[in-house]
Amino acid sequence: MEEIKKFMDNIYPMSNSDWDYFSAKLHKEKLNKKSVIIKTGEVENYLSFITEGVVRLFIPHEESELTFGFVFENEFVTAYDSFITQTPSIYQIETLTKTSLWRISYEDLHSVYRETASGNLIGRRMAEKMFLIKSNREISLLNKTAEERYMNLFLERPNLLKQVPLKYIASYIGVTPQALSRIRKRIT
């Protein structure tokens, strides 16, 4: 639980009483590789903090899957749009490796917002961070070549290239696995 405390303190230091209130609402869950965290059509009821593992966010299609996000250790993961609107998710989240999560329910998180001094501020700052990640991804897809997106990924998140199958990376940068193979050959 220390990992989540450090993460939160980097956003905004919580008082001991706020931390005690928040941490009492968390429960730990361990998942195997390829476990589904949320399926398309389900309502997201949890905000989860990854202490071990890698997860992927994707839209399933009959012919292929469109991967649009990866989340690693010491980061939060949720189907955020479903979580905040309490409507069915249009995408899935699954583990790519053995994964450990600390989870808080929608109701408990709102209780933290109401009952603690720092809850709302931390929630707002996390929402702003998530918006910036999403915005930067959209701009990258519109303004950069696939090779530039791959290179940025390599520079910004080298762990991703070590822990994630290339077919998911190809989908994430918007190319076929064959095109990614050609990009990798040109770079090396």
N, C-alpha and C. Protein backbone atom coordinates (compact mmCIF):
# COMPACT_ATOMS: atom_id res chain seq x y z
N MET A 1 0.82 -1.20 0.00
CA MET A 1 0.00 0.00 0.00
C MET A 1 0.87 1.26 0.00
N GLU A 2 2.15 1.09 0.30
CA GLU A 2 3.06 2.24 0.29
C GLU A 2 3.14 2.90 -1.07
N GLU A 3 3.05 2.10 -2.15
CA GLU A 3 3.15 2.65 -3.50
C GLU A 3 2.03 3.66 -3.77
N ILE A 4 0.84 3.31 -3.36
CA ILE A 4 -0.30 4.20 -3.60
C ILE A 4 -0.18 5.46 -2.74
N LYS A 5 0.33 5.31 -1.52
CA LYS A 5 0.53 6.48 -0.65
C LYS A 5 1.53 7.45 -1.28
N LYS A 6 2.64 6.92 -1.81
CA LYS A 6 3.64 7.76 -2.48
C LYS A 6 3.03 8.47 -3.67
N PHE A 7 2.29 7.74 -4.47
CA PHE A 7 1.65 8.31 -5.65
C PHE A 7 0.75 9.48 -5.26
N MET A 8 -0.08 9.25 -4.26
CA MET A 8 -1.02 10.28 -3.81
C MET A 8 -0.28 11.49 -3.24
N ASP A 9 0.76 11.25 -2.46
CA ASP A 9 1.52 12.36 -1.87
C ASP A 9 2.21 13.21 -2.93
N ASN A 10 2.56 12.61 -4.07
CA ASN A 10 3.14 13.38 -5.16
C ASN A 10 2.11 14.30 -5.82
N ILE A 11 0.86 13.94 -5.74
CA ILE A 11 -0.20 14.78 -6.30
C ILE A 11 -0.53 15.89 -5.30
N TYR A 12 -0.77 15.47 -4.06
CA TYR A 12 -1.06 16.41 -2.98
C TYR A 12 -0.98 15.63 -1.67
N PRO A 13 -0.12 16.04 -0.77
CA PRO A 13 0.04 15.28 0.48
C PRO A 13 -1.28 15.19 1.27
N MET A 14 -1.62 13.97 1.64
CA MET A 14 -2.82 13.74 2.43
C MET A 14 -2.46 13.76 3.91
N SER A 15 -3.36 14.28 4.72
CA SER A 15 -3.17 14.20 6.17
C SER A 15 -3.29 12.73 6.57
N ASN A 16 -2.80 12.41 7.76
CA ASN A 16 -2.91 11.04 8.24
C ASN A 16 -4.36 10.59 8.35
N SER A 17 -5.24 11.48 8.82
CA SER A 17 -6.64 11.09 8.95
C SER A 17 -7.29 10.86 7.59
N ASP A 18 -6.95 11.71 6.58
CA ASP A 18 -7.49 11.51 5.23
C ASP A 18 -6.97 10.20 4.65
N TRP A 19 -5.67 9.94 4.84
CA TRP A 19 -5.10 8.70 4.33
C TRP A 19 -5.75 7.49 4.99
N ASP A 20 -5.94 7.55 6.29
CA ASP A 20 -6.57 6.43 7.01
C ASP A 20 -7.98 6.18 6.48
N TYR A 21 -8.72 7.25 6.25
CA TYR A 21 -10.08 7.12 5.73
C TYR A 21 -10.06 6.50 4.33
N PHE A 22 -9.19 7.03 3.45
CA PHE A 22 -9.09 6.53 2.09
C PHE A 22 -8.61 5.08 2.06
N SER A 23 -7.52 4.79 2.75
CA SER A 23 -6.93 3.45 2.68
C SER A 23 -7.85 2.38 3.27
N ALA A 24 -8.71 2.75 4.20
CA ALA A 24 -9.66 1.78 4.75
C ALA A 24 -10.69 1.34 3.71
N LYS A 25 -10.86 2.13 2.66
CA LYS A 25 -11.83 1.82 1.60
C LYS A 25 -11.23 0.92 0.51
N LEU A 26 -9.92 0.75 0.52
CA LEU A 26 -9.24 -0.03 -0.53
C LEU A 26 -9.30 -1.52 -0.24
N HIS A 27 -9.39 -2.30 -1.31
CA HIS A 27 -9.22 -3.74 -1.16
C HIS A 27 -8.28 -4.24 -2.26
N LYS A 28 -7.52 -5.27 -1.91
CA LYS A 28 -6.50 -5.79 -2.83
C LYS A 28 -7.08 -6.92 -3.66
N GLU A 29 -6.65 -6.95 -4.92
CA GLU A 29 -7.07 -8.02 -5.82
C GLU A 29 -5.87 -8.45 -6.64
N LYS A 30 -5.70 -9.76 -6.79
CA LYS A 30 -4.63 -10.31 -7.61
C LYS A 30 -5.26 -11.02 -8.80
N LEU A 31 -4.71 -10.74 -9.98
CA LEU A 31 -5.25 -11.30 -11.21
C LEU A 31 -4.16 -11.99 -12.02
N ASN A 32 -4.53 -13.03 -12.72
CA ASN A 32 -3.60 -13.72 -13.61
C ASN A 32 -3.50 -12.99 -14.93
N LYS A 33 -2.50 -13.34 -15.70
CA LYS A 33 -2.33 -12.82 -17.05
C LYS A 33 -3.59 -13.12 -17.86
N LYS A 34 -3.98 -12.16 -18.70
CA LYS A 34 -5.16 -12.27 -19.58
C LYS A 34 -6.48 -12.29 -18.83
N SER A 35 -6.49 -11.75 -17.60
CA SER A 35 -7.75 -11.62 -16.85
C SER A 35 -8.46 -10.35 -17.31
N VAL A 36 -9.77 -10.44 -17.43
CA VAL A 36 -10.57 -9.28 -17.82
C VAL A 36 -10.92 -8.49 -16.56
N ILE A 37 -10.60 -7.21 -16.58
CA ILE A 37 -10.93 -6.32 -15.46
C ILE A 37 -12.34 -5.76 -15.66
N ILE A 38 -12.63 -5.35 -16.89
CA ILE A 38 -13.99 -4.92 -17.24
C ILE A 38 -14.24 -5.29 -18.70
N LYS A 39 -15.44 -5.78 -18.96
CA LYS A 39 -15.84 -6.16 -20.32
C LYS A 39 -16.66 -5.04 -20.95
N THR A 40 -16.65 -5.03 -22.27
CA THR A 40 -17.52 -4.13 -23.01
C THR A 40 -18.96 -4.36 -22.54
N GLY A 41 -19.69 -3.28 -22.30
CA GLY A 41 -21.08 -3.38 -21.88
C GLY A 41 -21.29 -3.38 -20.38
N GLU A 42 -20.23 -3.54 -19.61
CA GLU A 42 -20.33 -3.48 -18.15
C GLU A 42 -20.11 -2.05 -17.67
N VAL A 43 -20.67 -1.73 -16.53
CA VAL A 43 -20.44 -0.43 -15.91
C VAL A 43 -19.21 -0.55 -15.01
N GLU A 44 -18.29 0.39 -15.18
CA GLU A 44 -17.08 0.41 -14.35
C GLU A 44 -17.43 0.91 -12.96
N ASN A 45 -17.16 0.08 -11.98
CA ASN A 45 -17.47 0.44 -10.60
C ASN A 45 -16.24 0.65 -9.73
N TYR A 46 -15.05 0.55 -10.32
CA TYR A 46 -13.83 0.65 -9.52
C TYR A 46 -12.77 1.54 -10.16
N LEU A 47 -12.05 2.21 -9.31
CA LEU A 47 -10.81 2.88 -9.67
C LEU A 47 -9.73 2.00 -9.06
N SER A 48 -8.76 1.58 -9.87
CA SER A 48 -7.76 0.62 -9.42
C SER A 48 -6.36 1.19 -9.55
N PHE A 49 -5.52 0.87 -8.59
CA PHE A 49 -4.11 1.27 -8.60
C PHE A 49 -3.29 0.00 -8.79
N ILE A 50 -2.42 -0.01 -9.79
CA ILE A 50 -1.62 -1.19 -10.11
C ILE A 50 -0.33 -1.16 -9.30
N THR A 51 -0.12 -2.18 -8.48
CA THR A 51 1.14 -2.30 -7.74
C THR A 51 2.08 -3.29 -8.41
N GLU A 52 1.53 -4.13 -9.29
CA GLU A 52 2.34 -5.07 -10.05
C GLU A 52 1.58 -5.37 -11.33
N GLY A 53 2.29 -5.34 -12.47
CA GLY A 53 1.67 -5.77 -13.71
C GLY A 53 1.48 -4.69 -14.75
N VAL A 54 0.88 -5.12 -15.86
CA VAL A 54 0.58 -4.25 -17.00
C VAL A 54 -0.81 -4.60 -17.49
N VAL A 55 -1.60 -3.57 -17.80
CA VAL A 55 -2.93 -3.81 -18.36
C VAL A 55 -3.07 -3.05 -19.68
N ARG A 56 -4.04 -3.48 -20.47
CA ARG A 56 -4.28 -2.85 -21.76
C ARG A 56 -5.75 -2.51 -21.88
N LEU A 57 -6.02 -1.37 -22.52
CA LEU A 57 -7.37 -0.92 -22.81
C LEU A 57 -7.58 -1.10 -24.31
N PHE A 58 -8.69 -1.73 -24.70
CA PHE A 58 -8.90 -1.99 -26.11
C PHE A 58 -10.38 -2.11 -26.45
N ILE A 59 -10.65 -1.88 -27.74
CA ILE A 59 -11.99 -2.06 -28.27
C ILE A 59 -11.98 -3.35 -29.06
N PRO A 60 -12.79 -4.33 -28.66
CA PRO A 60 -12.81 -5.58 -29.40
C PRO A 60 -13.61 -5.44 -30.70
N HIS A 61 -13.06 -6.00 -31.77
CA HIS A 61 -13.74 -6.07 -33.05
C HIS A 61 -13.73 -7.53 -33.48
N GLU A 62 -14.63 -7.89 -34.37
CA GLU A 62 -14.66 -9.27 -34.83
C GLU A 62 -13.35 -9.68 -35.48
N GLU A 63 -12.78 -8.82 -36.32
CA GLU A 63 -11.58 -9.16 -37.07
C GLU A 63 -10.29 -8.87 -36.28
N SER A 64 -10.29 -7.80 -35.52
CA SER A 64 -9.09 -7.44 -34.76
C SER A 64 -9.50 -6.58 -33.57
N GLU A 65 -8.55 -6.29 -32.74
CA GLU A 65 -8.80 -5.45 -31.58
C GLU A 65 -8.03 -4.14 -31.74
N LEU A 66 -8.63 -3.06 -31.29
CA LEU A 66 -7.97 -1.76 -31.36
C LEU A 66 -7.49 -1.38 -29.97
N THR A 67 -6.19 -1.47 -29.75
CA THR A 67 -5.58 -1.12 -28.46
C THR A 67 -5.36 0.39 -28.43
N PHE A 68 -5.83 1.02 -27.35
CA PHE A 68 -5.64 2.47 -27.27
C PHE A 68 -5.00 2.92 -25.97
N GLY A 69 -4.60 1.98 -25.13
CA GLY A 69 -3.93 2.40 -23.91
C GLY A 69 -3.27 1.26 -23.17
N PHE A 70 -2.21 1.60 -22.45
CA PHE A 70 -1.51 0.67 -21.56
C PHE A 70 -1.31 1.37 -20.23
N VAL A 71 -1.41 0.62 -19.16
CA VAL A 71 -1.20 1.18 -17.83
C VAL A 71 -0.27 0.24 -17.07
N PHE A 72 0.69 0.84 -16.35
CA PHE A 72 1.75 0.08 -15.70
C PHE A 72 1.70 0.23 -14.18
N GLU A 73 2.66 -0.42 -13.55
CA GLU A 73 2.80 -0.34 -12.09
C GLU A 73 2.85 1.12 -11.65
N ASN A 74 2.26 1.35 -10.49
CA ASN A 74 2.24 2.67 -9.86
C ASN A 74 1.44 3.70 -10.66
N GLU A 75 0.40 3.21 -11.33
CA GLU A 75 -0.53 4.07 -12.05
C GLU A 75 -1.95 3.60 -11.77
N PHE A 76 -2.89 4.52 -11.91
CA PHE A 76 -4.30 4.17 -11.77
C PHE A 76 -4.86 3.72 -13.11
N VAL A 77 -5.82 2.80 -13.05
CA VAL A 77 -6.52 2.35 -14.25
C VAL A 77 -8.00 2.24 -13.95
N THR A 78 -8.80 2.63 -14.92
CA THR A 78 -10.25 2.50 -14.86
C THR A 78 -10.80 2.78 -16.25
N ALA A 79 -11.99 2.30 -16.52
CA ALA A 79 -12.72 2.75 -17.72
C ALA A 79 -13.37 4.05 -17.28
N TYR A 80 -12.60 5.13 -17.33
CA TYR A 80 -12.94 6.37 -16.65
C TYR A 80 -14.27 6.96 -17.10
N ASP A 81 -14.54 6.95 -18.40
CA ASP A 81 -15.80 7.51 -18.87
C ASP A 81 -16.98 6.72 -18.31
N SER A 82 -16.89 5.42 -18.27
CA SER A 82 -17.94 4.58 -17.68
C SER A 82 -18.03 4.82 -16.17
N PHE A 83 -16.87 4.96 -15.53
CA PHE A 83 -16.81 5.17 -14.09
C PHE A 83 -17.51 6.46 -13.68
N ILE A 84 -17.21 7.57 -14.36
CA ILE A 84 -17.78 8.85 -13.93
C ILE A 84 -19.24 9.01 -14.34
N THR A 85 -19.66 8.33 -15.43
CA THR A 85 -21.06 8.45 -15.87
C THR A 85 -21.92 7.30 -15.39
N GLN A 86 -21.27 6.23 -14.90
CA GLN A 86 -21.96 5.01 -14.47
C GLN A 86 -22.85 4.46 -15.59
N THR A 87 -22.28 4.46 -16.80
CA THR A 87 -22.93 3.87 -17.97
C THR A 87 -22.01 2.77 -18.51
N PRO A 88 -22.55 1.87 -19.35
CA PRO A 88 -21.74 0.76 -19.86
C PRO A 88 -20.51 1.22 -20.64
N SER A 89 -19.43 0.50 -20.44
CA SER A 89 -18.17 0.79 -21.13
C SER A 89 -18.24 0.30 -22.57
N ILE A 90 -17.61 1.04 -23.47
CA ILE A 90 -17.55 0.60 -24.87
C ILE A 90 -16.22 -0.09 -25.17
N TYR A 91 -15.39 -0.27 -24.15
CA TYR A 91 -14.13 -0.96 -24.33
C TYR A 91 -13.87 -1.89 -23.16
N GLN A 92 -12.81 -2.67 -23.30
CA GLN A 92 -12.43 -3.63 -22.27
C GLN A 92 -11.06 -3.29 -21.70
N ILE A 93 -10.83 -3.81 -20.52
CA ILE A 93 -9.51 -3.70 -19.89
C ILE A 93 -9.12 -5.11 -19.47
N GLU A 94 -7.90 -5.52 -19.85
CA GLU A 94 -7.42 -6.85 -19.46
C GLU A 94 -5.97 -6.77 -19.02
N THR A 95 -5.57 -7.73 -18.23
CA THR A 95 -4.19 -7.79 -17.77
C THR A 95 -3.32 -8.44 -18.84
N LEU A 96 -2.12 -7.92 -19.02
CA LEU A 96 -1.15 -8.53 -19.94
C LEU A 96 -0.15 -9.38 -19.19
N THR A 97 -0.08 -9.17 -17.88
CA THR A 97 0.82 -9.93 -17.01
C THR A 97 0.05 -10.22 -15.72
N LYS A 98 0.67 -11.00 -14.87
CA LYS A 98 0.13 -11.18 -13.52
C LYS A 98 0.04 -9.78 -12.91
N THR A 99 -1.09 -9.46 -12.29
CA THR A 99 -1.33 -8.08 -11.85
C THR A 99 -1.92 -8.05 -10.44
N SER A 100 -1.43 -7.09 -9.65
CA SER A 100 -2.00 -6.83 -8.33
C SER A 100 -2.55 -5.41 -8.32
N LEU A 101 -3.75 -5.27 -7.78
CA LEU A 101 -4.45 -3.98 -7.76
C LEU A 101 -4.92 -3.66 -6.35
N TRP A 102 -4.92 -2.37 -6.03
CA TRP A 102 -5.68 -1.85 -4.90
C TRP A 102 -6.88 -1.16 -5.52
N ARG A 103 -8.09 -1.50 -5.08
CA ARG A 103 -9.30 -0.99 -5.73
C ARG A 103 -10.19 -0.25 -4.73
N ILE A 104 -10.85 0.79 -5.25
CA ILE A 104 -11.85 1.52 -4.47
C ILE A 104 -13.10 1.63 -5.33
N SER A 105 -14.25 1.43 -4.72
CA SER A 105 -15.51 1.46 -5.46
C SER A 105 -15.93 2.91 -5.74
N TYR A 106 -16.81 3.05 -6.68
CA TYR A 106 -17.38 4.35 -7.05
C TYR A 106 -17.98 5.02 -5.81
N GLU A 107 -18.79 4.26 -5.06
CA GLU A 107 -19.45 4.83 -3.89
C GLU A 107 -18.44 5.24 -2.82
N ASP A 108 -17.45 4.38 -2.59
CA ASP A 108 -16.44 4.70 -1.58
C ASP A 108 -15.58 5.89 -1.99
N LEU A 109 -15.27 6.02 -3.27
CA LEU A 109 -14.49 7.17 -3.71
C LEU A 109 -15.28 8.46 -3.50
N HIS A 110 -16.56 8.42 -3.77
CA HIS A 110 -17.37 9.62 -3.54
C HIS A 110 -17.50 9.94 -2.05
N SER A 111 -17.45 8.92 -1.24
CA SER A 111 -17.41 9.13 0.20
C SER A 111 -16.11 9.83 0.59
N VAL A 112 -14.99 9.42 -0.02
CA VAL A 112 -13.70 10.07 0.24
C VAL A 112 -13.77 11.53 -0.19
N TYR A 113 -14.38 11.80 -1.35
CA TYR A 113 -14.53 13.18 -1.81
C TYR A 113 -15.30 14.03 -0.79
N ARG A 114 -16.36 13.44 -0.24
CA ARG A 114 -17.21 14.19 0.71
C ARG A 114 -16.57 14.36 2.08
N GLU A 115 -15.87 13.34 2.55
CA GLU A 115 -15.46 13.28 3.96
C GLU A 115 -14.02 13.71 4.24
N THR A 116 -13.21 13.90 3.20
CA THR A 116 -11.82 14.27 3.46
C THR A 116 -11.52 15.65 2.89
N ALA A 117 -10.51 16.27 3.45
CA ALA A 117 -10.13 17.62 3.01
C ALA A 117 -9.42 17.59 1.66
N SER A 118 -8.66 16.52 1.38
CA SER A 118 -7.83 16.49 0.17
C SER A 118 -8.41 15.66 -0.97
N GLY A 119 -9.45 14.90 -0.72
CA GLY A 119 -10.00 13.99 -1.73
C GLY A 119 -10.39 14.65 -3.03
N ASN A 120 -11.16 15.75 -2.95
CA ASN A 120 -11.60 16.43 -4.17
C ASN A 120 -10.42 17.00 -4.96
N LEU A 121 -9.46 17.59 -4.27
CA LEU A 121 -8.31 18.17 -4.95
C LEU A 121 -7.51 17.09 -5.67
N ILE A 122 -7.26 15.98 -5.01
CA ILE A 122 -6.51 14.89 -5.63
C ILE A 122 -7.30 14.34 -6.82
N GLY A 123 -8.61 14.16 -6.66
CA GLY A 123 -9.45 13.69 -7.76
C GLY A 123 -9.40 14.61 -8.96
N ARG A 124 -9.47 15.91 -8.71
CA ARG A 124 -9.41 16.87 -9.81
C ARG A 124 -8.07 16.82 -10.52
N ARG A 125 -6.99 16.77 -9.75
CA ARG A 125 -5.65 16.74 -10.37
C ARG A 125 -5.43 15.46 -11.17
N MET A 126 -5.96 14.35 -10.68
CA MET A 126 -5.84 13.10 -11.44
C MET A 126 -6.67 13.16 -12.72
N ALA A 127 -7.85 13.74 -12.66
CA ALA A 127 -8.68 13.89 -13.86
C ALA A 127 -7.98 14.79 -14.88
N GLU A 128 -7.34 15.84 -14.42
CA GLU A 128 -6.60 16.72 -15.32
C GLU A 128 -5.45 15.97 -15.99
N LYS A 129 -4.75 15.15 -15.22
CA LYS A 129 -3.64 14.37 -15.77
C LYS A 129 -4.16 13.39 -16.82
N MET A 130 -5.27 12.73 -16.54
CA MET A 130 -5.85 11.78 -17.50
C MET A 130 -6.28 12.50 -18.78
N PHE A 131 -6.82 13.70 -18.64
CA PHE A 131 -7.22 14.48 -19.81
C PHE A 131 -6.00 14.80 -20.68
N LEU A 132 -4.90 15.21 -20.05
CA LEU A 132 -3.70 15.56 -20.80
C LEU A 132 -3.12 14.34 -21.54
N ILE A 133 -3.15 13.19 -20.91
CA ILE A 133 -2.67 11.97 -21.57
C ILE A 133 -3.52 11.68 -22.80
N LYS A 134 -4.83 11.77 -22.64
CA LYS A 134 -5.75 11.51 -23.75
C LYS A 134 -5.56 12.55 -24.85
N SER A 135 -5.45 13.79 -24.50
CA SER A 135 -5.28 14.87 -25.47
C SER A 135 -3.98 14.70 -26.25
N ASN A 136 -2.89 14.40 -25.56
CA ASN A 136 -1.60 14.20 -26.22
C ASN A 136 -1.64 13.02 -27.18
N ARG A 137 -2.34 11.97 -26.80
CA ARG A 137 -2.47 10.80 -27.69
C ARG A 137 -3.23 11.18 -28.95
N GLU A 138 -4.33 11.90 -28.81
CA GLU A 138 -5.12 12.30 -29.98
C GLU A 138 -4.30 13.20 -30.91
N ILE A 139 -3.59 14.14 -30.35
CA ILE A 139 -2.76 15.04 -31.15
C ILE A 139 -1.66 14.25 -31.87
N SER A 140 -1.07 13.30 -31.18
CA SER A 140 -0.04 12.46 -31.79
C SER A 140 -0.59 11.68 -32.98
N LEU A 141 -1.78 11.13 -32.84
CA LEU A 141 -2.39 10.37 -33.94
C LEU A 141 -2.68 11.26 -35.15
N LEU A 142 -2.97 12.52 -34.89
CA LEU A 142 -3.30 13.44 -35.98
C LEU A 142 -2.07 14.10 -36.61
N ASN A 143 -1.02 14.32 -35.84
CA ASN A 143 0.11 15.12 -36.31
C ASN A 143 1.40 14.37 -36.58
N LYS A 144 1.50 13.14 -36.15
CA LYS A 144 2.78 12.44 -36.28
C LYS A 144 2.64 11.20 -37.15
N THR A 145 3.75 10.82 -37.76
CA THR A 145 3.77 9.59 -38.54
C THR A 145 3.82 8.41 -37.57
N ALA A 146 3.54 7.23 -38.10
CA ALA A 146 3.61 6.03 -37.28
C ALA A 146 5.02 5.84 -36.72
N GLU A 147 6.02 6.15 -37.53
CA GLU A 147 7.41 6.02 -37.07
C GLU A 147 7.69 6.98 -35.92
N GLU A 148 7.20 8.20 -36.03
CA GLU A 148 7.38 9.18 -34.95
C GLU A 148 6.65 8.72 -33.68
N ARG A 149 5.45 8.18 -33.85
CA ARG A 149 4.70 7.68 -32.67
C ARG A 149 5.46 6.54 -32.01
N TYR A 150 6.03 5.65 -32.81
CA TYR A 150 6.80 4.54 -32.26
C TYR A 150 8.03 5.06 -31.51
N MET A 151 8.75 5.98 -32.11
CA MET A 151 9.95 6.53 -31.47
C MET A 151 9.58 7.25 -30.16
N ASN A 152 8.50 8.01 -30.16
CA ASN A 152 8.07 8.67 -28.93
C ASN A 152 7.74 7.65 -27.85
N LEU A 153 7.07 6.59 -28.25
CA LEU A 153 6.73 5.53 -27.31
C LEU A 153 8.01 4.92 -26.74
N PHE A 154 8.98 4.70 -27.60
CA PHE A 154 10.25 4.13 -27.19
C PHE A 154 10.96 5.04 -26.19
N LEU A 155 10.90 6.35 -26.41
CA LEU A 155 11.57 7.31 -25.54
C LEU A 155 10.80 7.55 -24.24
N GLU A 156 9.47 7.67 -24.35
CA GLU A 156 8.65 8.02 -23.18
C GLU A 156 8.36 6.82 -22.29
N ARG A 157 8.19 5.65 -22.87
CA ARG A 157 7.80 4.48 -22.09
C ARG A 157 8.57 3.24 -22.53
N PRO A 158 9.87 3.21 -22.29
CA PRO A 158 10.67 2.06 -22.75
C PRO A 158 10.18 0.73 -22.16
N ASN A 159 9.57 0.77 -20.97
CA ASN A 159 9.03 -0.46 -20.37
C ASN A 159 8.00 -1.12 -21.27
N LEU A 160 7.24 -0.29 -21.95
CA LEU A 160 6.17 -0.80 -22.79
C LEU A 160 6.72 -1.76 -23.83
N LEU A 161 7.82 -1.39 -24.45
CA LEU A 161 8.39 -2.21 -25.51
C LEU A 161 8.95 -3.53 -24.98
N LYS A 162 9.29 -3.57 -23.70
CA LYS A 162 9.81 -4.80 -23.10
C LYS A 162 8.69 -5.72 -22.61
N GLN A 163 7.55 -5.15 -22.25
CA GLN A 163 6.52 -5.92 -21.58
C GLN A 163 5.26 -6.19 -22.40
N VAL A 164 5.13 -5.55 -23.55
CA VAL A 164 3.89 -5.63 -24.31
C VAL A 164 4.15 -6.28 -25.66
N PRO A 165 3.33 -7.26 -26.05
CA PRO A 165 3.50 -7.89 -27.37
C PRO A 165 3.42 -6.85 -28.49
N LEU A 166 4.24 -7.06 -29.52
CA LEU A 166 4.33 -6.11 -30.63
C LEU A 166 2.99 -5.90 -31.34
N LYS A 167 2.15 -6.93 -31.40
CA LYS A 167 0.85 -6.75 -32.09
C LYS A 167 0.00 -5.70 -31.39
N TYR A 168 0.11 -5.58 -30.07
CA TYR A 168 -0.64 -4.56 -29.33
C TYR A 168 -0.01 -3.18 -29.53
N ILE A 169 1.32 -3.14 -29.60
CA ILE A 169 2.00 -1.86 -29.85
C ILE A 169 1.63 -1.36 -31.24
N ALA A 170 1.62 -2.26 -32.22
CA ALA A 170 1.24 -1.88 -33.58
C ALA A 170 -0.15 -1.27 -33.58
N SER A 171 -1.10 -1.93 -32.94
CA SER A 171 -2.47 -1.42 -32.86
C SER A 171 -2.50 -0.05 -32.18
N TYR A 172 -1.73 0.10 -31.12
CA TYR A 172 -1.70 1.34 -30.37
C TYR A 172 -1.21 2.52 -31.20
N ILE A 173 -0.19 2.29 -32.05
CA ILE A 173 0.31 3.39 -32.87
C ILE A 173 -0.43 3.50 -34.20
N GLY A 174 -1.38 2.59 -34.44
CA GLY A 174 -2.24 2.71 -35.61
C GLY A 174 -1.71 2.09 -36.88
N VAL A 175 -0.93 1.01 -36.75
CA VAL A 175 -0.41 0.32 -37.93
C VAL A 175 -0.61 -1.19 -37.78
N THR A 176 -0.37 -1.91 -38.86
CA THR A 176 -0.42 -3.37 -38.80
C THR A 176 0.88 -3.89 -38.19
N PRO A 177 0.89 -5.12 -37.70
CA PRO A 177 2.15 -5.68 -37.20
C PRO A 177 3.25 -5.71 -38.26
N GLN A 178 2.87 -5.93 -39.52
CA GLN A 178 3.85 -5.95 -40.61
C GLN A 178 4.47 -4.56 -40.79
N ALA A 179 3.64 -3.52 -40.74
CA ALA A 179 4.16 -2.15 -40.88
C ALA A 179 5.08 -1.82 -39.70
N LEU A 180 4.73 -2.27 -38.50
CA LEU A 180 5.59 -2.03 -37.34
C LEU A 180 6.92 -2.73 -37.53
N SER A 181 6.91 -3.92 -38.08
CA SER A 181 8.15 -4.64 -38.34
C SER A 181 9.04 -3.86 -39.29
N ARG A 182 8.45 -3.26 -40.33
CA ARG A 182 9.23 -2.44 -41.27
C ARG A 182 9.80 -1.19 -40.57
N ILE A 183 8.99 -0.56 -39.71
CA ILE A 183 9.45 0.61 -38.97
C ILE A 183 10.65 0.22 -38.08
N ARG A 184 10.53 -0.87 -37.39
CA ARG A 184 11.62 -1.32 -36.50
C ARG A 184 12.89 -1.62 -37.28
N LYS A 185 12.76 -2.18 -38.47
CA LYS A 185 13.94 -2.47 -39.31
C LYS A 185 14.61 -1.18 -39.76
N ARG A 186 13.81 -0.18 -40.14
CA ARG A 186 14.37 1.10 -40.58
C ARG A 186 15.13 1.79 -39.46
N ILE A 187 14.60 1.68 -38.25
CA ILE A 187 15.21 2.35 -37.10
C ILE A 187 16.52 1.69 -36.68
N THR A 188 16.57 0.38 -36.75
CA THR A 188 17.79 -0.33 -36.31
C THR A 188 18.68 -0.50 -37.48
